[in-house]
Every structure is written in C-alpha cells, then in structure tokens.
C-alpha atoms as a PDB file:
ATOM      1  CA  UNK A   1     -17.925  11.993 -23.801  1.00  0.00           C
ATOM      2  CA  UNK A   2     -14.569  13.072 -24.105  1.00  0.00           C
ATOM      3  CA  UNK A   3     -14.510  14.345 -20.853  1.00  0.00           C
ATOM      4  CA  UNK A   4     -15.111  11.227 -19.779  1.00  0.00           C
ATOM      5  CA  UNK A   5     -12.934   9.798 -21.716  1.00  0.00           C
ATOM      6  CA  UNK A   6     -10.072  12.051 -20.611  1.00  0.00           C
ATOM      7  CA  UNK A   7     -10.570  10.975 -17.199  1.00  0.00           C
ATOM      8  CA  UNK A   8     -10.755   7.308 -17.323  1.00  0.00           C
ATOM      9  CA  UNK A   9      -7.692   7.594 -19.726  1.00  0.00           C
ATOM     10  CA  UNK A  10      -6.001   9.590 -16.645  1.00  0.00           C
ATOM     11  CA  UNK A  11      -7.259   7.540 -14.209  1.00  0.00           C
ATOM     12  CA  UNK A  12      -5.831   4.143 -14.332  1.00  0.00           C
ATOM     13  CA  UNK A  13      -3.114   5.319 -17.245  1.00  0.00           C
ATOM     14  CA  UNK A  14      -4.410   3.540 -20.033  1.00  0.00           C
ATOM     15  CA  UNK A  15      -1.847   5.141 -21.686  1.00  0.00           C
ATOM     16  CA  UNK A  16       1.266   4.374 -20.233  1.00  0.00           C
ATOM     17  CA  UNK A  17      -0.084   0.621 -19.686  1.00  0.00           C
ATOM     18  CA  UNK A  18      -0.217   0.197 -23.448  1.00  0.00           C
ATOM     19  CA  UNK A  19       3.364   1.605 -23.644  1.00  0.00           C
ATOM     20  CA  UNK A  20       4.519  -0.406 -21.122  1.00  0.00           C
ATOM     21  CA  UNK A  21       2.433  -4.004 -22.866  1.00  0.00           C
ATOM     22  CA  UNK A  22       4.072  -3.533 -25.992  1.00  0.00           C
ATOM     23  CA  UNK A  23       7.479  -3.077 -24.699  1.00  0.00           C
ATOM     24  CA  UNK A  24       7.541  -6.044 -22.622  1.00  0.00           C
ATOM     25  CA  UNK A  25       5.681  -8.402 -24.631  1.00  0.00           C
ATOM     26  CA  UNK A  26       7.740  -7.278 -28.240  1.00  0.00           C
ATOM     27  CA  UNK A  27      11.270  -7.079 -26.484  1.00  0.00           C
ATOM     28  CA  UNK A  28      10.473 -11.051 -24.614  1.00  0.00           C
ATOM     29  CA  UNK A  29       9.241 -12.572 -27.470  1.00  0.00           C
ATOM     30  CA  UNK A  30      12.511 -11.494 -29.630  1.00  0.00           C
ATOM     31  CA  UNK A  31      14.686 -12.149 -26.934  1.00  0.00           C
ATOM     32  CA  UNK A  32      12.572 -15.637 -25.940  1.00  0.00           C
ATOM     33  CA  UNK A  33      12.197 -16.408 -29.973  1.00  0.00           C
ATOM     34  CA  UNK A  34      16.163 -16.329 -30.266  1.00  0.00           C
ATOM     35  CA  UNK A  35      16.708 -18.295 -27.433  1.00  0.00           C
ATOM     36  CA  UNK A  36      13.337 -21.143 -28.130  1.00  0.00           C
ATOM     37  CA  UNK A  37      14.389 -21.451 -31.704  1.00  0.00           C
ATOM     38  CA  UNK A  38      18.269 -22.057 -30.891  1.00  0.00           C
ATOM     39  CA  UNK A  39      17.738 -24.715 -28.205  1.00  0.00           C
ATOM     40  CA  UNK A  40      15.114 -26.243 -30.354  1.00  0.00           C
ATOM     41  CA  UNK A  41      17.055 -27.275 -33.421  1.00  0.00           C
ATOM     42  CA  UNK A  42      19.615 -28.071 -30.924  1.00  0.00           C
ATOM     43  CA  UNK A  43      18.292 -30.319 -28.998  1.00  0.00           C
ATOM     44  CA  UNK A  44      16.467 -31.992 -32.218  1.00  0.00           C
ATOM     45  CA  UNK A  45      20.259 -32.160 -33.958  1.00  0.00           C
ATOM     46  CA  UNK A  46      22.514 -33.039 -31.011  1.00  0.00           C
ATOM     47  CA  UNK A  47      22.629 -36.152 -28.720  1.00  0.00           C
ATOM     48  CA  UNK A  48      23.875 -35.856 -25.337  1.00  0.00           C
ATOM     49  CA  UNK A  49      23.873 -37.965 -21.728  1.00  0.00           C
ATOM     50  CA  UNK A  50      20.175 -37.383 -20.329  1.00  0.00           C
ATOM     51  CA  UNK A  51      18.607 -35.858 -23.398  1.00  0.00           C
ATOM     52  CA  UNK A  52      15.546 -37.133 -22.472  1.00  0.00           C
ATOM     53  CA  UNK A  53      15.485 -36.002 -19.596  1.00  0.00           C
ATOM     54  CA  UNK A  54      16.018 -32.080 -20.593  1.00  0.00           C
ATOM     55  CA  UNK A  55      13.125 -32.476 -23.289  1.00  0.00           C
ATOM     56  CA  UNK A  56      10.767 -33.922 -20.212  1.00  0.00           C
ATOM     57  CA  UNK A  57      12.153 -30.492 -18.111  1.00  0.00           C
ATOM     58  CA  UNK A  58      11.196 -28.397 -21.179  1.00  0.00           C
ATOM     59  CA  UNK A  59       7.971 -29.992 -21.733  1.00  0.00           C
ATOM     60  CA  UNK A  60       7.238 -29.409 -17.988  1.00  0.00           C
ATOM     61  CA  UNK A  61       7.981 -25.767 -18.449  1.00  0.00           C
ATOM     62  CA  UNK A  62       5.642 -25.542 -21.170  1.00  0.00           C
ATOM     63  CA  UNK A  63       2.817 -25.836 -18.881  1.00  0.00           C
ATOM     64  CA  UNK A  64       4.123 -24.474 -15.585  1.00  0.00           C
ATOM     65  CA  UNK A  65       2.579 -22.067 -14.295  1.00  0.00           C
ATOM     66  CA  UNK A  66       3.690 -18.375 -14.665  1.00  0.00           C
ATOM     67  CA  UNK A  67       3.079 -17.019 -11.133  1.00  0.00           C
ATOM     68  CA  UNK A  68       5.543 -19.786  -9.598  1.00  0.00           C
ATOM     69  CA  UNK A  69       7.980 -18.663 -12.822  1.00  0.00           C
ATOM     70  CA  UNK A  70       7.652 -14.916 -11.514  1.00  0.00           C
ATOM     71  CA  UNK A  71       8.157 -16.061  -8.160  1.00  0.00           C
ATOM     72  CA  UNK A  72      11.134 -17.882  -9.342  1.00  0.00           C
ATOM     73  CA  UNK A  73      12.801 -14.267 -11.398  1.00  0.00           C
ATOM     74  CA  UNK A  74      11.630 -12.018  -8.423  1.00  0.00           C
ATOM     75  CA  UNK A  75      14.030 -14.386  -6.053  1.00  0.00           C
ATOM     76  CA  UNK A  76      16.437 -14.049  -8.552  1.00  0.00           C
ATOM     77  CA  UNK A  77      16.540 -10.372  -9.658  1.00  0.00           C
ATOM     78  CA  UNK A  78      15.841  -9.240  -5.668  1.00  0.00           C
ATOM     79  CA  UNK A  79      18.320  -6.859  -3.653  1.00  0.00           C
ATOM     80  CA  UNK A  80      19.757 -10.378  -2.233  1.00  0.00           C
ATOM     81  CA  UNK A  81      19.608 -12.380  -5.071  1.00  0.00           C
ATOM     82  CA  UNK A  82      21.915 -13.595  -7.277  1.00  0.00           C
ATOM     83  CA  UNK A  83      20.927 -10.925  -9.872  1.00  0.00           C
ATOM     84  CA  UNK A  84      19.910  -8.393  -7.624  1.00  0.00           C
ATOM     85  CA  UNK A  85      23.041  -6.376  -8.565  1.00  0.00           C
ATOM     86  CA  UNK A  86      21.083  -5.691 -11.983  1.00  0.00           C
ATOM     87  CA  UNK A  87      18.469  -4.084  -9.883  1.00  0.00           C
ATOM     88  CA  UNK A  88      15.560  -4.583 -12.511  1.00  0.00           C
ATOM     89  CA  UNK A  89      12.798  -5.393  -9.769  1.00  0.00           C
ATOM     90  CA  UNK A  90      10.001  -3.655 -10.466  1.00  0.00           C
ATOM     91  CA  UNK A  91      11.276  -2.411 -13.285  1.00  0.00           C
ATOM     92  CA  UNK A  92      10.033  -3.059 -17.130  1.00  0.00           C
ATOM     93  CA  UNK A  93      13.082  -5.133 -18.037  1.00  0.00           C
ATOM     94  CA  UNK A  94      12.393  -6.902 -14.741  1.00  0.00           C
ATOM     95  CA  UNK A  95       8.980  -7.879 -16.529  1.00  0.00           C
ATOM     96  CA  UNK A  96      10.880  -8.805 -19.871  1.00  0.00           C
ATOM     97  CA  UNK A  97      13.622 -11.428 -17.998  1.00  0.00           C
ATOM     98  CA  UNK A  98      10.282 -12.837 -15.967  1.00  0.00           C
ATOM     99  CA  UNK A  99       8.691 -13.174 -19.902  1.00  0.00           C
ATOM    100  CA  UNK A 100      11.738 -14.872 -21.351  1.00  0.00           C
ATOM    101  CA  UNK A 101      11.741 -17.248 -18.435  1.00  0.00           C
ATOM    102  CA  UNK A 102       8.284 -18.404 -19.168  1.00  0.00           C
ATOM    103  CA  UNK A 103       8.357 -17.850 -23.204  1.00  0.00           C
ATOM    104  CA  UNK A 104      11.247 -19.386 -24.219  1.00  0.00           C
ATOM    105  CA  UNK A 105      10.154 -23.354 -23.115  1.00  0.00           C
ATOM    106  CA  UNK A 106       7.090 -22.773 -25.075  1.00  0.00           C
ATOM    107  CA  UNK A 107       8.665 -21.928 -28.460  1.00  0.00           C
ATOM    108  CA  UNK A 108      11.808 -24.798 -27.789  1.00  0.00           C
ATOM    109  CA  UNK A 109       9.381 -27.520 -27.239  1.00  0.00           C
ATOM    110  CA  UNK A 110       7.650 -26.744 -30.308  1.00  0.00           C
ATOM    111  CA  UNK A 111      10.489 -26.031 -32.734  1.00  0.00           C
ATOM    112  CA  UNK A 112      11.628 -29.265 -31.421  1.00  0.00           C
ATOM    113  CA  UNK A 113       8.533 -30.983 -32.156  1.00  0.00           C
ATOM    114  CA  UNK A 114       8.365 -29.451 -35.574  1.00  0.00           C
ATOM    115  CA  UNK A 115      11.683 -30.338 -36.104  1.00  0.00           C
ATOM    116  CA  UNK A 116      11.853 -33.650 -35.048  1.00  0.00           C
ATOM    117  CA  UNK A 117       9.259 -33.987 -37.953  1.00  0.00           C
ATOM    118  CA  UNK A 118      10.344 -32.674 -40.747  1.00  0.00           C
ATOM    119  CA  UNK A 119      14.567 -31.720 -40.155  1.00  0.00           C
ATOM    120  CA  UNK A 120      15.963 -35.297 -40.718  1.00  0.00           C
ATOM    121  CA  UNK A 121      14.102 -35.374 -44.626  1.00  0.00           C
ATOM    122  CA  UNK A 122      15.499 -31.457 -45.147  1.00  0.00           C
ATOM    123  CA  UNK A 123      18.964 -32.474 -44.363  1.00  0.00           C
ATOM    124  CA  UNK A 124      18.558 -35.261 -46.415  1.00  0.00           C
ATOM    125  CA  UNK A 125      17.471 -33.548 -49.653  1.00  0.00           C
ATOM    126  CA  UNK A 126      20.404 -30.733 -48.380  1.00  0.00           C
ATOM    127  CA  UNK A 127      23.116 -33.716 -48.556  1.00  0.00           C
ATOM    128  CA  UNK A 128      21.499 -35.139 -51.969  1.00  0.00           C
ATOM    129  CA  UNK A 129      21.892 -32.123 -53.360  1.00  0.00           C
ATOM    130  CA  UNK A 130      25.598 -31.435 -52.365  1.00  0.00           C
ATOM    131  CA  UNK A 131      24.649 -28.244 -50.106  1.00  0.00           C
ATOM    132  CA  UNK A 132      27.286 -27.100 -47.511  1.00  0.00           C
ATOM    133  CA  UNK A 133      26.377 -26.782 -43.368  1.00  0.00           C
ATOM    134  CA  UNK A 134      25.189 -23.013 -43.946  1.00  0.00           C
ATOM    135  CA  UNK A 135      23.411 -24.079 -46.898  1.00  0.00           C
ATOM    136  CA  UNK A 136      21.721 -26.968 -44.989  1.00  0.00           C
ATOM    137  CA  UNK A 137      21.040 -24.209 -42.049  1.00  0.00           C
ATOM    138  CA  UNK A 138      19.092 -21.655 -44.626  1.00  0.00           C
ATOM    139  CA  UNK A 139      17.278 -24.766 -46.127  1.00  0.00           C
ATOM    140  CA  UNK A 140      15.890 -25.416 -42.338  1.00  0.00           C
ATOM    141  CA  UNK A 141      14.851 -22.383 -41.980  1.00  0.00           C
ATOM    142  CA  UNK A 142      13.525 -21.677 -44.943  1.00  0.00           C
ATOM    143  CA  UNK A 143      11.458 -25.083 -44.917  1.00  0.00           C
ATOM    144  CA  UNK A 144      10.047 -24.399 -41.392  1.00  0.00           C
ATOM    145  CA  UNK A 145       9.582 -20.754 -41.125  1.00  0.00           C
ATOM    146  CA  UNK A 146       5.815 -20.834 -40.969  1.00  0.00           C
ATOM    147  CA  UNK A 147       6.091 -23.228 -38.245  1.00  0.00           C
ATOM    148  CA  UNK A 148       8.918 -20.966 -36.363  1.00  0.00           C
ATOM    149  CA  UNK A 149       6.027 -18.254 -36.899  1.00  0.00           C
ATOM    150  CA  UNK A 150       3.406 -20.184 -35.060  1.00  0.00           C
ATOM    151  CA  UNK A 151       5.812 -20.534 -32.356  1.00  0.00           C
ATOM    152  CA  UNK A 152       6.667 -17.221 -32.114  1.00  0.00           C
ATOM    153  CA  UNK A 153       2.744 -16.373 -32.489  1.00  0.00           C
ATOM    154  CA  UNK A 154       1.769 -18.456 -29.400  1.00  0.00           C
ATOM    155  CA  UNK A 155       5.135 -16.842 -27.061  1.00  0.00           C
ATOM    156  CA  UNK A 156       3.959 -13.415 -27.992  1.00  0.00           C
ATOM    157  CA  UNK A 157      -0.088 -14.015 -27.734  1.00  0.00           C
ATOM    158  CA  UNK A 158       1.491 -15.873 -23.793  1.00  0.00           C
ATOM    159  CA  UNK A 159       3.638 -12.806 -23.338  1.00  0.00           C
ATOM    160  CA  UNK A 160       0.696 -10.183 -23.718  1.00  0.00           C
ATOM    161  CA  UNK A 161      -1.726 -12.108 -21.745  1.00  0.00           C
ATOM    162  CA  UNK A 162       0.647 -12.619 -18.659  1.00  0.00           C
ATOM    163  CA  UNK A 163      -0.430 -11.338 -14.889  1.00  0.00           C
ATOM    164  CA  UNK A 164       0.744 -13.205 -12.417  1.00  0.00           C
ATOM    165  CA  UNK A 165       4.835 -12.910 -13.435  1.00  0.00           C
ATOM    166  CA  UNK A 166       4.691  -9.368 -14.034  1.00  0.00           C
ATOM    167  CA  UNK A 167       2.450  -8.519 -11.206  1.00  0.00           C
ATOM    168  CA  UNK A 168       5.281  -9.955  -8.560  1.00  0.00           C
ATOM    169  CA  UNK A 169       8.190  -9.055 -10.557  1.00  0.00           C
ATOM    170  CA  UNK A 170       7.046  -5.424 -11.630  1.00  0.00           C
ATOM    171  CA  UNK A 171       4.991  -4.390  -8.568  1.00  0.00           C
ATOM    172  CA  UNK A 172       1.482  -2.896 -11.014  1.00  0.00           C
ATOM    173  CA  UNK A 173       3.399   0.710 -10.239  1.00  0.00           C
ATOM    174  CA  UNK A 174       0.730   3.078 -11.964  1.00  0.00           C
ATOM    175  CA  UNK A 175       2.417   4.750 -14.904  1.00  0.00           C
ATOM    176  CA  UNK A 176       6.332   2.450 -14.597  1.00  0.00           C
ATOM    177  CA  UNK A 177       5.068  -1.361 -14.451  1.00  0.00           C
ATOM    178  CA  UNK A 178       1.003  -1.298 -14.847  1.00  0.00           C
ATOM    179  CA  UNK A 179       0.591  -3.807 -17.659  1.00  0.00           C
ATOM    180  CA  UNK A 180      -2.718  -3.658 -19.795  1.00  0.00           C
ATOM    181  CA  UNK A 181      -3.542  -6.999 -17.675  1.00  0.00           C
ATOM    182  CA  UNK A 182      -2.584  -5.790 -14.558  1.00  0.00           C
ATOM    183  CA  UNK A 183      -4.803  -2.558 -14.880  1.00  0.00           C
ATOM    184  CA  UNK A 184      -7.379  -4.797 -15.512  1.00  0.00           C
ATOM    185  CA  UNK A 185      -6.790  -6.363 -12.707  1.00  0.00           C
ATOM    186  CA  UNK A 186      -6.452  -3.498 -10.605  1.00  0.00           C
ATOM    187  CA  UNK A 187     -10.198  -2.053 -11.791  1.00  0.00           C
ATOM    188  CA  UNK A 188     -11.788  -5.657 -11.195  1.00  0.00           C
ATOM    189  CA  UNK A 189     -10.423  -5.589  -7.634  1.00  0.00           C
ATOM    190  CA  UNK A 190     -12.003  -1.267  -7.201  1.00  0.00           C
ATOM    191  CA  UNK A 191     -15.673  -2.748  -8.673  1.00  0.00           C
ATOM    192  CA  UNK A 192     -14.843  -0.430 -11.781  1.00  0.00           C
ATOM    193  CA  UNK A 193     -16.056  -3.364 -14.701  1.00  0.00           C
ATOM    194  CA  UNK A 194     -16.988  -1.165 -17.449  1.00  0.00           C
ATOM    195  CA  UNK A 195     -13.037   0.045 -17.210  1.00  0.00           C
ATOM    196  CA  UNK A 196     -12.152  -3.401 -17.271  1.00  0.00           C
ATOM    197  CA  UNK A 197     -13.897  -4.538 -19.898  1.00  0.00           C
ATOM    198  CA  UNK A 198     -12.883  -1.458 -22.174  1.00  0.00           C
ATOM    199  CA  UNK A 199      -9.306  -2.060 -21.643  1.00  0.00           C
ATOM    200  CA  UNK A 200     -10.106  -5.671 -22.455  1.00  0.00           C
ATOM    201  CA  UNK A 201     -11.480  -4.457 -25.920  1.00  0.00           C
ATOM    202  CA  UNK A 202      -8.109  -2.395 -26.339  1.00  0.00           C
ATOM    203  CA  UNK A 203      -5.490  -5.411 -25.535  1.00  0.00           C
ATOM    204  CA  UNK A 204      -7.939  -7.765 -27.994  1.00  0.00           C
ATOM    205  CA  UNK A 205      -7.594  -5.283 -30.624  1.00  0.00           C
ATOM    206  CA  UNK A 206      -3.951  -4.984 -30.337  1.00  0.00           C
ATOM    207  CA  UNK A 207      -3.426  -8.556 -30.489  1.00  0.00           C
ATOM    208  CA  UNK A 208      -5.460  -8.733 -33.757  1.00  0.00           C
ATOM    209  CA  UNK A 209      -3.561  -6.563 -35.313  1.00  0.00           C
ATOM    210  CA  UNK A 210      -0.752  -7.915 -34.804  1.00  0.00           C
ATOM    211  CA  UNK A 211      -1.601 -11.139 -35.459  1.00  0.00           C
ATOM    212  CA  UNK A 212      -3.173  -9.494 -38.890  1.00  0.00           C
ATOM    213  CA  UNK A 213       0.134  -7.849 -39.994  1.00  0.00           C
ATOM    214  CA  UNK A 214       1.941 -11.019 -39.693  1.00  0.00           C
ATOM    215  CA  UNK A 215      -0.582 -13.012 -41.446  1.00  0.00           C
ATOM    216  CA  UNK A 216       0.025 -10.501 -44.274  1.00  0.00           C
ATOM    217  CA  UNK A 217       3.455 -10.456 -44.796  1.00  0.00           C
ATOM    218  CA  UNK A 218       3.208 -14.454 -44.403  1.00  0.00           C
ATOM    219  CA  UNK A 219       0.707 -14.119 -47.538  1.00  0.00           C
ATOM    220  CA  UNK A 220       3.002 -11.814 -49.509  1.00  0.00           C
ATOM    221  CA  UNK A 221       5.895 -14.571 -49.329  1.00  0.00           C
ATOM    222  CA  UNK A 222       3.753 -17.451 -50.095  1.00  0.00           C
ATOM    223  CA  UNK A 223       2.618 -14.938 -53.029  1.00  0.00           C
ATOM    224  CA  UNK A 224       6.247 -14.219 -53.899  1.00  0.00           C
ATOM    225  CA  UNK A 225       7.606 -18.295 -54.074  1.00  0.00           C
ATOM    226  CA  UNK A 226       4.424 -19.167 -56.393  1.00  0.00           C
ATOM    227  CA  UNK A 227       5.850 -16.473 -58.934  1.00  0.00           C
END
C-alpha cells in the first residue's frame, strides 16, 4: 500500500499541486479581497456619473465564465500583450493575476450589497456619537466584519475550485503550475478516475480545514465581545 501511494504521489505530483494550489488561492484571495472590499465601500459611498453602469458591469463580471477571464488574462500577459514584459505566462504569478480578475468583482459586489443596506445607519450612529472619519471607518469595518468574512470566504472558494482560467494562463505544467483541479482534469482525461477522486477528496478536506479555522476565529471574537 505504501508503495502504491508513493508511486501515485510521484506520478501526478500531488505535493507540488497542493503547494501550487495553496500559494495561488491564498495570494489571489488576499489581493482580490483588498481590492474588492475597498471598491465595494467606494461604490456605496461615492456618487459619480455612470455609477449605475459600473454596478451593472460589476454584477456581469461576477457571473462571467472564468475561462473567458482566463483568456483575457492570457492575452494581456502573453509576449506580445500589454503586460508581456512581466513574463507571467505559465507562472504562478500569472495564475494569481487571472484569479484576482475573477474574484475581485465577486467580493466587490457582495460588499457593496451589504454596505448599501447597513452602512448609512452605521454612519448616522457614528455622527450622533461624535466620531471622526477614521473612527467611523473602523466602526464600519467592525460592524460589517462577518459580512466581509463571508465575501472573502466566497472568493476563496471560487479560487480553490477554478480550472479553466488557471489552465489557460498556467499551462498545467507538472511540478510547476499544475493545481489540484487541473491535475484532476488531467487524470480524468487519462482515465484515472480513482486517482482523480482521491485528489478531489484532498481538495475538499483543504477547503473544509480553512473554513473550520475561519469559523473558529470568528467564534472566539464573538465570545470576547460577549464578555
């Protein structure tokens, strides 16, 4: 049995695919969350010509096929593209770039929807209490932290499960840019269904572990607030 697992791990590069998946999903989620949360609050707070059009475009991008975004990212990053000098095609950085394009509209749209419903009342309360701009901003973040957590978790779920975009930009290179999802796709094409299921179970365990850890910290925060 030990030999079978050793051969399997070496054949499909499981450890490298796990490493690539973790690096790509964590960095893309962090970067996209920073952009998405900021843009979501900005859209809720600012009035400008064409705001409704921007909101509609963002909602369209929230449901855009990832493979289309991946193709766009590839065209931007390819040697003759506007960002070709970065040389990010077939690298983890390029995959993160594509993922950020996919996840940012999702986080932005969710934060905007939450902020539209709750931010005006929070700002009114802050003004009533004499809070300055910085204090009001911190109060907004504190009162909406659970909603933002859900937006970030949704972005992470999209990142860790992506196939098409990372396949186009990363190239599915073994031991270099092959993620767990593209490895599953490769195994399916080769008819290795059991190995693909095994990788799928590992992927679900990883997602469950991250979700459990986040829930643990959230419960600790709620417990501290109730003291």
